[in-house]
N, C-alpha and C. Protein backbone atom coordinates (compact mmCIF):
# COMPACT_ATOMS: atom_id res chain seq x y z
N MET A 1 0.85 -1.17 0.00
CA MET A 1 0.00 0.00 0.00
C MET A 1 0.90 1.24 0.00
N SER A 2 0.65 2.19 -0.87
CA SER A 2 1.46 3.40 -0.92
C SER A 2 0.87 4.45 0.01
N GLU A 3 1.73 5.38 0.39
CA GLU A 3 1.30 6.44 1.28
C GLU A 3 0.65 7.57 0.48
N SER A 4 -0.20 8.33 1.13
CA SER A 4 -0.83 9.46 0.47
C SER A 4 0.18 10.60 0.35
N HIS A 5 -0.10 11.51 -0.55
CA HIS A 5 0.76 12.68 -0.72
C HIS A 5 0.79 13.51 0.56
N ALA A 6 -0.35 13.64 1.22
CA ALA A 6 -0.42 14.42 2.46
C ALA A 6 0.46 13.82 3.55
N ARG A 7 0.44 12.48 3.67
CA ARG A 7 1.28 11.82 4.68
C ARG A 7 2.76 12.01 4.37
N SER A 8 3.13 11.85 3.10
CA SER A 8 4.53 12.06 2.71
C SER A 8 4.97 13.49 3.03
N LEU A 9 4.11 14.45 2.76
CA LEU A 9 4.45 15.84 3.03
C LEU A 9 4.56 16.10 4.53
N ALA A 10 3.64 15.56 5.32
CA ALA A 10 3.68 15.74 6.77
C ALA A 10 4.95 15.14 7.36
N LYS A 11 5.36 13.98 6.89
CA LYS A 11 6.60 13.36 7.35
C LYS A 11 7.80 14.22 6.96
N ALA A 12 7.79 14.74 5.76
CA ALA A 12 8.90 15.57 5.29
C ALA A 12 9.03 16.83 6.15
N VAL A 13 7.91 17.49 6.42
CA VAL A 13 7.93 18.73 7.19
C VAL A 13 8.40 18.47 8.62
N SER A 14 7.85 17.47 9.27
CA SER A 14 8.22 17.23 10.67
C SER A 14 9.69 16.84 10.80
N TYR A 15 10.19 16.05 9.87
CA TYR A 15 11.59 15.65 9.91
C TYR A 15 12.50 16.85 9.63
N ARG A 16 12.10 17.68 8.69
CA ARG A 16 12.95 18.81 8.31
C ARG A 16 12.97 19.90 9.36
N VAL A 17 11.90 20.10 10.08
CA VAL A 17 11.92 21.11 11.15
C VAL A 17 13.01 20.74 12.15
N LEU A 18 13.07 19.50 12.53
CA LEU A 18 14.09 19.04 13.47
C LEU A 18 15.48 19.15 12.85
N GLY A 19 15.64 18.66 11.63
CA GLY A 19 16.95 18.68 10.98
C GLY A 19 17.44 20.09 10.71
N SER A 20 16.56 20.97 10.28
CA SER A 20 16.96 22.34 9.98
C SER A 20 17.29 23.13 11.24
N ALA A 21 16.61 22.83 12.32
CA ALA A 21 16.96 23.47 13.60
C ALA A 21 18.37 23.05 14.01
N ALA A 22 18.72 21.80 13.80
CA ALA A 22 20.07 21.32 14.11
C ALA A 22 21.10 22.01 13.21
N THR A 23 20.77 22.16 11.92
CA THR A 23 21.68 22.84 11.01
C THR A 23 21.89 24.29 11.43
N ALA A 24 20.81 24.98 11.76
CA ALA A 24 20.91 26.38 12.19
C ALA A 24 21.75 26.49 13.46
N LEU A 25 21.59 25.56 14.38
CA LEU A 25 22.37 25.57 15.61
C LEU A 25 23.86 25.40 15.33
N VAL A 26 24.19 24.48 14.45
CA VAL A 26 25.61 24.25 14.09
C VAL A 26 26.20 25.51 13.43
N VAL A 27 25.44 26.11 12.51
CA VAL A 27 25.93 27.34 11.86
C VAL A 27 26.13 28.43 12.91
N TYR A 28 25.21 28.54 13.85
CA TYR A 28 25.35 29.56 14.89
C TYR A 28 26.57 29.29 15.77
N LEU A 29 26.79 28.03 16.12
CA LEU A 29 27.94 27.70 16.96
C LEU A 29 29.26 28.02 16.26
N PHE A 30 29.32 27.85 14.94
CA PHE A 30 30.54 28.14 14.20
C PHE A 30 30.70 29.62 13.88
N SER A 31 29.58 30.32 13.64
CA SER A 31 29.67 31.71 13.17
C SER A 31 29.34 32.74 14.24
N GLY A 32 28.48 32.37 15.19
CA GLY A 32 28.01 33.33 16.17
C GLY A 32 27.05 34.35 15.57
N ASN A 33 26.60 34.11 14.35
CA ASN A 33 25.76 35.05 13.61
C ASN A 33 24.34 34.49 13.52
N MET A 34 23.43 35.04 14.32
CA MET A 34 22.06 34.52 14.37
C MET A 34 21.31 34.72 13.05
N PRO A 35 21.36 35.91 12.41
CA PRO A 35 20.65 36.06 11.13
C PRO A 35 21.15 35.07 10.07
N LEU A 36 22.45 34.85 10.01
CA LEU A 36 23.00 33.89 9.05
C LEU A 36 22.52 32.48 9.36
N SER A 37 22.55 32.08 10.62
CA SER A 37 22.14 30.72 10.98
C SER A 37 20.64 30.52 10.72
N ALA A 38 19.82 31.54 10.96
CA ALA A 38 18.38 31.43 10.68
C ALA A 38 18.13 31.32 9.18
N SER A 39 18.88 32.09 8.40
CA SER A 39 18.74 32.02 6.93
C SER A 39 19.15 30.66 6.40
N VAL A 40 20.26 30.15 6.87
CA VAL A 40 20.74 28.84 6.42
C VAL A 40 19.74 27.76 6.84
N GLY A 41 19.25 27.84 8.07
CA GLY A 41 18.27 26.86 8.54
C GLY A 41 16.98 26.90 7.73
N GLY A 42 16.51 28.09 7.39
CA GLY A 42 15.28 28.23 6.59
C GLY A 42 15.46 27.69 5.18
N LEU A 43 16.57 28.06 4.54
CA LEU A 43 16.83 27.56 3.20
C LEU A 43 17.00 26.04 3.20
N ASP A 44 17.71 25.54 4.20
CA ASP A 44 17.90 24.09 4.34
C ASP A 44 16.55 23.38 4.44
N MET A 45 15.63 23.96 5.20
CA MET A 45 14.32 23.33 5.39
C MET A 45 13.54 23.26 4.08
N VAL A 46 13.48 24.35 3.36
CA VAL A 46 12.71 24.38 2.12
C VAL A 46 13.27 23.41 1.09
N VAL A 47 14.57 23.47 0.87
CA VAL A 47 15.20 22.61 -0.14
C VAL A 47 15.03 21.14 0.22
N LYS A 48 15.26 20.80 1.46
CA LYS A 48 15.22 19.39 1.85
C LYS A 48 13.80 18.84 1.98
N ILE A 49 12.81 19.68 2.26
CA ILE A 49 11.42 19.21 2.25
C ILE A 49 11.06 18.79 0.83
N VAL A 50 11.41 19.61 -0.13
CA VAL A 50 11.11 19.28 -1.53
C VAL A 50 11.83 18.00 -1.94
N LEU A 51 13.11 17.88 -1.61
CA LEU A 51 13.87 16.68 -1.97
C LEU A 51 13.31 15.43 -1.30
N TYR A 52 12.96 15.54 -0.01
CA TYR A 52 12.42 14.39 0.70
C TYR A 52 11.08 13.95 0.13
N PHE A 53 10.22 14.93 -0.16
CA PHE A 53 8.91 14.61 -0.74
C PHE A 53 9.08 13.88 -2.07
N LEU A 54 9.95 14.39 -2.94
CA LEU A 54 10.21 13.73 -4.22
C LEU A 54 10.78 12.33 -4.01
N HIS A 55 11.68 12.20 -3.07
CA HIS A 55 12.28 10.90 -2.74
C HIS A 55 11.21 9.89 -2.31
N GLU A 56 10.32 10.32 -1.43
CA GLU A 56 9.23 9.45 -0.98
C GLU A 56 8.33 9.03 -2.13
N ARG A 57 7.97 9.97 -3.00
CA ARG A 57 7.07 9.66 -4.11
C ARG A 57 7.74 8.69 -5.10
N ILE A 58 9.02 8.89 -5.36
CA ILE A 58 9.74 7.98 -6.27
C ILE A 58 9.78 6.57 -5.69
N TRP A 59 10.04 6.46 -4.38
CA TRP A 59 10.11 5.14 -3.75
C TRP A 59 8.77 4.40 -3.79
N ASN A 60 7.67 5.08 -3.96
CA ASN A 60 6.39 4.39 -4.10
C ASN A 60 6.33 3.56 -5.38
N TYR A 61 7.18 3.87 -6.34
CA TYR A 61 7.21 3.12 -7.60
C TYR A 61 8.25 2.01 -7.61
N ILE A 62 9.03 1.91 -6.56
CA ILE A 62 10.10 0.90 -6.48
C ILE A 62 9.61 -0.26 -5.62
N PRO A 63 9.54 -1.46 -6.19
CA PRO A 63 8.99 -2.59 -5.44
C PRO A 63 9.98 -3.22 -4.44
N PHE A 64 11.22 -2.80 -4.43
CA PHE A 64 12.22 -3.38 -3.55
C PHE A 64 11.76 -3.43 -2.10
N GLY A 65 11.83 -4.62 -1.50
CA GLY A 65 11.50 -4.79 -0.09
C GLY A 65 10.02 -4.91 0.23
N ARG A 66 9.17 -4.85 -0.76
CA ARG A 66 7.73 -5.01 -0.53
C ARG A 66 7.33 -6.44 -0.84
N PRO A 67 6.40 -6.96 -0.06
CA PRO A 67 5.91 -8.30 -0.40
C PRO A 67 5.14 -8.25 -1.71
N LYS A 68 5.26 -9.31 -2.47
CA LYS A 68 4.54 -9.37 -3.73
C LYS A 68 3.06 -9.62 -3.46
N PRO A 69 2.19 -8.91 -4.18
CA PRO A 69 0.76 -9.15 -3.98
C PRO A 69 0.39 -10.53 -4.55
N PRO A 70 -0.64 -11.14 -3.99
CA PRO A 70 -1.04 -12.45 -4.53
C PRO A 70 -1.48 -12.32 -5.99
N GLU A 71 -1.30 -13.39 -6.72
CA GLU A 71 -1.68 -13.36 -8.14
C GLU A 71 -3.20 -13.37 -8.31
N TYR A 72 -3.90 -13.81 -7.28
CA TYR A 72 -5.35 -13.80 -7.35
C TYR A 72 -5.89 -13.68 -5.92
N GLU A 73 -7.13 -13.26 -5.82
CA GLU A 73 -7.79 -13.16 -4.53
C GLU A 73 -9.01 -14.05 -4.54
N ILE A 74 -9.31 -14.60 -3.40
CA ILE A 74 -10.49 -15.46 -3.28
C ILE A 74 -11.65 -14.66 -2.80
């Protein structure tokens, strides 16, 4: 069973909020520049949400690791 577009998007957003906050924190720790770290974190979130969503949708077409459906149903 494939996931809905809405579920894929919700997973992408929730994962990226956490990941982008970590990226912004690392940039801040190295630079000490809050506006720069917020900008990098925001850009990171947008780009990676799009990439993750596309990745999820592509994997819905790849049968690797999925059980094969029965050839017939009773």
